[in-house]
Amino acid sequence: MGPVVTVGLDIAKSVFQVHGVDAGGEVVFRRQIRRAQLLRFFVDQPACLVGIEACATAHYWARELSRLGHTVRLMPPSYVKPYVKRQKNDAADAEAICEAVTRPTMRFVEVKSPEQQSVMVLHRVRTMLMRQRIQLSNAIRGHMAEFGLVAPIGRGGPAEPDQVGRSG
């Protein structure tokens, strides 16, 4: 068994699963690691290829592991799914990620910088606020209709008395 060259990392909230193989594809390690111990674990590993599914916190971990000298590749979860060999669990996912990251036709997600992620957060929050505003105005309009008050659709709402009609 040689040194690890490829690692599949299945990230979660508190316990991560790592699956490492050598150049011949032999399993070097397969274990769980707590969040607080993950960077320490990778400091002790030789520089290698690390595969991670592109999901929550993946960009953060990709940046951190890259700082340690590892080559990190993020993959869409739907592209990793076909490589799961047995029932879905964290260990099987880590093994599938390890396999998928080495495929020559795999498509990868670019690791985003904190600035890029900040812009995405602003857009998502704005979209959520717009959706909630529309939901709230529709709910108020519906409740008002229960009392016979009908407001026109739109942001103006019942601003002037002549815009509000009585329904029969």
C-alpha atoms as a PDB file:
ATOM      1  CA  MET A   1       0.000   0.000   0.000  1.00  0.00           C
ATOM      2  CA  GLY A   2       1.490   3.324  -1.112  1.00  0.00           C
ATOM      3  CA  PRO A   3       0.871   6.894  -0.051  1.00  0.00           C
ATOM      4  CA  VAL A   4      -2.587   8.342  -0.543  1.00  0.00           C
ATOM      5  CA  VAL A   5      -3.048  10.140  -3.881  1.00  0.00           C
ATOM      6  CA  THR A   6      -6.835  10.632  -3.994  1.00  0.00           C
ATOM      7  CA  VAL A   7      -9.279  11.413  -1.198  1.00  0.00           C
ATOM      8  CA  GLY A   8     -13.056  11.493  -1.331  1.00  0.00           C
ATOM      9  CA  LEU A   9     -14.448  13.797   1.345  1.00  0.00           C
ATOM     10  CA  ASP A  10     -18.130  13.649   2.272  1.00  0.00           C
ATOM     11  CA  ILE A  11     -18.814  16.801   4.265  1.00  0.00           C
ATOM     12  CA  ALA A  12     -21.582  17.199   6.818  1.00  0.00           C
ATOM     13  CA  LYS A  13     -22.404  19.408   9.787  1.00  0.00           C
ATOM     14  CA  SER A  14     -20.254  17.778  12.434  1.00  0.00           C
ATOM     15  CA  VAL A  15     -18.850  14.406  11.301  1.00  0.00           C
ATOM     16  CA  PHE A  16     -17.129  14.012   7.929  1.00  0.00           C
ATOM     17  CA  GLN A  17     -16.247  10.796   6.134  1.00  0.00           C
ATOM     18  CA  VAL A  18     -12.936  10.443   4.289  1.00  0.00           C
ATOM     19  CA  HIS A  19     -11.941   7.722   1.842  1.00  0.00           C
ATOM     20  CA  GLY A  20      -8.351   7.680   0.589  1.00  0.00           C
ATOM     21  CA  VAL A  21      -6.716   5.491  -2.064  1.00  0.00           C
ATOM     22  CA  ASP A  22      -3.166   5.068  -3.340  1.00  0.00           C
ATOM     23  CA  ALA A  23      -1.999   5.203  -6.973  1.00  0.00           C
ATOM     24  CA  GLY A  24      -3.092   1.600  -7.529  1.00  0.00           C
ATOM     25  CA  GLY A  25      -6.602   2.237  -6.233  1.00  0.00           C
ATOM     26  CA  GLU A  26      -6.056   0.349  -2.968  1.00  0.00           C
ATOM     27  CA  VAL A  27      -7.843   1.796   0.062  1.00  0.00           C
ATOM     28  CA  VAL A  28      -5.375   3.546   2.382  1.00  0.00           C
ATOM     29  CA  PHE A  29      -7.949   4.791   4.880  1.00  0.00           C
ATOM     30  CA  ARG A  30     -11.689   4.946   5.371  1.00  0.00           C
ATOM     31  CA  ARG A  31     -12.788   6.797   8.487  1.00  0.00           C
ATOM     32  CA  GLN A  32     -14.920   9.415  10.159  1.00  0.00           C
ATOM     33  CA  ILE A  33     -13.420  12.713  11.260  1.00  0.00           C
ATOM     34  CA  ARG A  34     -14.986  15.409  13.392  1.00  0.00           C
ATOM     35  CA  ARG A  35     -15.166  18.944  12.018  1.00  0.00           C
ATOM     36  CA  ALA A  36     -12.592  20.282  14.488  1.00  0.00           C
ATOM     37  CA  GLN A  37     -10.073  17.595  13.470  1.00  0.00           C
ATOM     38  CA  LEU A  38     -10.413  17.820   9.683  1.00  0.00           C
ATOM     39  CA  LEU A  39      -7.719  20.400   8.937  1.00  0.00           C
ATOM     40  CA  ARG A  40      -5.304  18.706  11.312  1.00  0.00           C
ATOM     41  CA  PHE A  41      -5.922  15.421   9.481  1.00  0.00           C
ATOM     42  CA  PHE A  42      -5.165  16.979   6.079  1.00  0.00           C
ATOM     43  CA  VAL A  43      -2.033  18.746   7.365  1.00  0.00           C
ATOM     44  CA  ASP A  44      -0.589  15.288   8.027  1.00  0.00           C
ATOM     45  CA  GLN A  45      -1.479  13.990   4.537  1.00  0.00           C
ATOM     46  CA  PRO A  46       0.814  14.390   1.539  1.00  0.00           C
ATOM     47  CA  ALA A  47      -0.465  16.776  -1.136  1.00  0.00           C
ATOM     48  CA  CYS A  48      -3.161  14.876  -3.010  1.00  0.00           C
ATOM     49  CA  LEU A  49      -6.310  15.215  -5.086  1.00  0.00           C
ATOM     50  CA  VAL A  50      -9.364  15.798  -2.887  1.00  0.00           C
ATOM     51  CA  GLY A  51     -12.888  15.435  -4.260  1.00  0.00           C
ATOM     52  CA  ILE A  52     -15.882  17.088  -2.580  1.00  0.00           C
ATOM     53  CA  GLU A  53     -19.525  17.328  -3.613  1.00  0.00           C
ATOM     54  CA  ALA A  54     -20.453  20.944  -4.340  1.00  0.00           C
ATOM     55  CA  CYS A  55     -22.905  21.620  -1.513  1.00  0.00           C
ATOM     56  CA  ALA A  56     -23.164  23.782   1.603  1.00  0.00           C
ATOM     57  CA  THR A  57     -19.699  24.687   3.001  1.00  0.00           C
ATOM     58  CA  ALA A  58     -17.891  22.943   0.095  1.00  0.00           C
ATOM     59  CA  HIS A  59     -16.309  26.170  -1.164  1.00  0.00           C
ATOM     60  CA  TYR A  60     -15.022  26.995   2.318  1.00  0.00           C
ATOM     61  CA  TRP A  61     -13.437  23.561   2.749  1.00  0.00           C
ATOM     62  CA  ALA A  62     -12.010  23.661  -0.779  1.00  0.00           C
ATOM     63  CA  ARG A  63     -10.253  26.949  -0.025  1.00  0.00           C
ATOM     64  CA  GLU A  64      -8.926  25.675   3.304  1.00  0.00           C
ATOM     65  CA  LEU A  65      -7.595  22.408   1.869  1.00  0.00           C
ATOM     66  CA  SER A  66      -6.055  24.240  -1.100  1.00  0.00           C
ATOM     67  CA  ARG A  67      -4.122  26.421   1.349  1.00  0.00           C
ATOM     68  CA  LEU A  68      -2.620  23.210   2.723  1.00  0.00           C
ATOM     69  CA  GLY A  69      -1.321  22.296  -0.751  1.00  0.00           C
ATOM     70  CA  HIS A  70      -3.999  19.838  -1.820  1.00  0.00           C
ATOM     71  CA  THR A  71      -5.684  19.949  -5.235  1.00  0.00           C
ATOM     72  CA  VAL A  72      -9.411  20.216  -4.568  1.00  0.00           C
ATOM     73  CA  ARG A  73     -12.139  19.486  -7.112  1.00  0.00           C
ATOM     74  CA  LEU A  74     -15.832  20.169  -6.475  1.00  0.00           C
ATOM     75  CA  MET A  75     -18.437  18.097  -8.313  1.00  0.00           C
ATOM     76  CA  PRO A  76     -22.206  18.429  -8.587  1.00  0.00           C
ATOM     77  CA  PRO A  77     -23.874  15.758  -6.397  1.00  0.00           C
ATOM     78  CA  SER A  78     -25.904  14.499  -9.355  1.00  0.00           C
ATOM     79  CA  TYR A  79     -22.652  13.635 -11.162  1.00  0.00           C
ATOM     80  CA  VAL A  80     -21.350  11.661  -8.170  1.00  0.00           C
ATOM     81  CA  LYS A  81     -24.551   9.657  -7.577  1.00  0.00           C
ATOM     82  CA  PRO A  82     -23.903   7.058 -10.338  1.00  0.00           C
ATOM     83  CA  TYR A  83     -20.669   6.041  -8.582  1.00  0.00           C
ATOM     84  CA  VAL A  84     -22.374   4.976  -5.331  1.00  0.00           C
ATOM     85  CA  LYS A  85     -21.992   1.175  -5.296  1.00  0.00           C
ATOM     86  CA  ARG A  86     -24.182   0.241  -2.367  1.00  0.00           C
ATOM     87  CA  GLN A  87     -26.826   1.822  -0.125  1.00  0.00           C
ATOM     88  CA  LYS A  88     -26.465   5.533   0.395  1.00  0.00           C
ATOM     89  CA  ASN A  89     -24.552   6.456   3.525  1.00  0.00           C
ATOM     90  CA  ASP A  90     -21.643   8.760   4.298  1.00  0.00           C
ATOM     91  CA  ALA A  91     -18.955   6.083   3.815  1.00  0.00           C
ATOM     92  CA  ALA A  92     -20.416   4.990   0.475  1.00  0.00           C
ATOM     93  CA  ASP A  93     -20.696   8.636  -0.606  1.00  0.00           C
ATOM     94  CA  ALA A  94     -17.032   9.320   0.264  1.00  0.00           C
ATOM     95  CA  GLU A  95     -15.968   6.265  -1.743  1.00  0.00           C
ATOM     96  CA  ALA A  96     -18.112   7.372  -4.698  1.00  0.00           C
ATOM     97  CA  ILE A  97     -16.636  10.890  -4.531  1.00  0.00           C
ATOM     98  CA  CYS A  98     -13.138   9.389  -4.496  1.00  0.00           C
ATOM     99  CA  GLU A  99     -13.975   7.362  -7.603  1.00  0.00           C
ATOM    100  CA  ALA A 100     -15.793  10.165  -9.438  1.00  0.00           C
ATOM    101  CA  VAL A 101     -13.054  12.784  -8.980  1.00  0.00           C
ATOM    102  CA  THR A 102     -10.613  10.664 -10.997  1.00  0.00           C
ATOM    103  CA  ARG A 103     -12.904  10.165 -14.007  1.00  0.00           C
ATOM    104  CA  PRO A 104     -11.549  11.891 -17.122  1.00  0.00           C
ATOM    105  CA  THR A 105     -14.965  13.098 -18.275  1.00  0.00           C
ATOM    106  CA  MET A 106     -16.081  14.485 -14.886  1.00  0.00           C
ATOM    107  CA  ARG A 107     -17.217  18.104 -14.870  1.00  0.00           C
ATOM    108  CA  PHE A 108     -16.119  20.231 -11.963  1.00  0.00           C
ATOM    109  CA  VAL A 109     -17.482  23.309 -10.216  1.00  0.00           C
ATOM    110  CA  GLU A 110     -15.106  26.240  -9.846  1.00  0.00           C
ATOM    111  CA  VAL A 111     -14.228  27.047  -6.231  1.00  0.00           C
ATOM    112  CA  LYS A 112     -15.733  30.419  -5.373  1.00  0.00           C
ATOM    113  CA  SER A 113     -13.868  33.117  -3.481  1.00  0.00           C
ATOM    114  CA  PRO A 114     -15.424  34.634  -0.349  1.00  0.00           C
ATOM    115  CA  GLU A 115     -16.234  37.741  -2.407  1.00  0.00           C
ATOM    116  CA  GLN A 116     -18.060  35.691  -5.049  1.00  0.00           C
ATOM    117  CA  GLN A 117     -19.985  33.866  -2.343  1.00  0.00           C
ATOM    118  CA  SER A 118     -20.923  37.184  -0.717  1.00  0.00           C
ATOM    119  CA  VAL A 119     -22.467  38.430  -3.959  1.00  0.00           C
ATOM    120  CA  MET A 120     -24.400  35.159  -4.305  1.00  0.00           C
ATOM    121  CA  VAL A 121     -25.667  35.511  -0.731  1.00  0.00           C
ATOM    122  CA  LEU A 122     -26.920  39.029  -1.441  1.00  0.00           C
ATOM    123  CA  HIS A 123     -28.782  37.848  -4.548  1.00  0.00           C
ATOM    124  CA  ARG A 124     -30.336  34.884  -2.721  1.00  0.00           C
ATOM    125  CA  VAL A 125     -31.424  36.991   0.253  1.00  0.00           C
ATOM    126  CA  ARG A 126     -32.946  39.614  -2.051  1.00  0.00           C
ATOM    127  CA  THR A 127     -34.814  36.915  -3.969  1.00  0.00           C
ATOM    128  CA  MET A 128     -36.105  35.443  -0.705  1.00  0.00           C
ATOM    129  CA  LEU A 129     -37.252  38.855   0.556  1.00  0.00           C
ATOM    130  CA  MET A 130     -39.064  39.560  -2.714  1.00  0.00           C
ATOM    131  CA  ARG A 131     -40.810  36.179  -2.535  1.00  0.00           C
ATOM    132  CA  GLN A 132     -41.821  36.728   1.091  1.00  0.00           C
ATOM    133  CA  ARG A 133     -43.126  40.219   0.326  1.00  0.00           C
ATOM    134  CA  ILE A 134     -45.323  38.832  -2.443  1.00  0.00           C
ATOM    135  CA  GLN A 135     -46.545  36.003  -0.191  1.00  0.00           C
ATOM    136  CA  LEU A 136     -47.402  38.462   2.576  1.00  0.00           C
ATOM    137  CA  SER A 137     -49.258  40.852   0.288  1.00  0.00           C
ATOM    138  CA  ASN A 138     -51.219  37.946  -1.218  1.00  0.00           C
ATOM    139  CA  ALA A 139     -52.106  36.690   2.262  1.00  0.00           C
ATOM    140  CA  ILE A 140     -53.277  40.135   3.363  1.00  0.00           C
ATOM    141  CA  ARG A 141     -55.270  40.528   0.144  1.00  0.00           C
ATOM    142  CA  GLY A 142     -56.890  37.125   0.789  1.00  0.00           C
ATOM    143  CA  HIS A 143     -57.735  37.977   4.394  1.00  0.00           C
ATOM    144  CA  MET A 144     -59.210  41.322   3.342  1.00  0.00           C
ATOM    145  CA  ALA A 145     -61.367  39.543   0.744  1.00  0.00           C
ATOM    146  CA  GLU A 146     -62.863  37.444   3.561  1.00  0.00           C
ATOM    147  CA  PHE A 147     -64.352  40.726   4.843  1.00  0.00           C
ATOM    148  CA  GLY A 148     -65.518  41.857   1.434  1.00  0.00           C
ATOM    149  CA  LEU A 149     -62.621  44.210   0.776  1.00  0.00           C
ATOM    150  CA  VAL A 150     -61.012  43.600  -2.607  1.00  0.00           C
ATOM    151  CA  ALA A 151     -57.688  45.263  -3.343  1.00  0.00           C
ATOM    152  CA  PRO A 152     -56.196  45.464  -6.816  1.00  0.00           C
ATOM    153  CA  ILE A 153     -53.255  43.233  -7.552  1.00  0.00           C
ATOM    154  CA  GLY A 154     -49.917  45.014  -7.401  1.00  0.00           C
ATOM    155  CA  ARG A 155     -47.732  46.885  -4.980  1.00  0.00           C
ATOM    156  CA  GLY A 156     -50.093  49.856  -4.800  1.00  0.00           C
ATOM    157  CA  GLY A 157     -52.712  47.923  -2.855  1.00  0.00           C
ATOM    158  CA  PRO A 158     -55.653  49.803  -1.332  1.00  0.00           C
ATOM    159  CA  ALA A 159     -53.880  53.175  -1.256  1.00  0.00           C
ATOM    160  CA  GLU A 160     -56.954  55.286  -2.126  1.00  0.00           C
ATOM    161  CA  PRO A 161     -60.544  54.630  -1.044  1.00  0.00           C
ATOM    162  CA  ASP A 162     -61.838  54.577  -4.616  1.00  0.00           C
ATOM    163  CA  GLN A 163     -59.441  51.717  -5.468  1.00  0.00           C
ATOM    164  CA  VAL A 164     -61.053  49.457  -2.869  1.00  0.00           C
ATOM    165  CA  GLY A 165     -64.280  47.835  -3.988  1.00  0.00           C
ATOM    166  CA  ARG A 166     -66.906  45.914  -2.135  1.00  0.00           C
ATOM    167  CA  SER A 167     -67.553  42.421  -3.348  1.00  0.00           C
ATOM    168  CA  GLY A 168     -71.015  40.987  -3.256  1.00  0.00           C
END
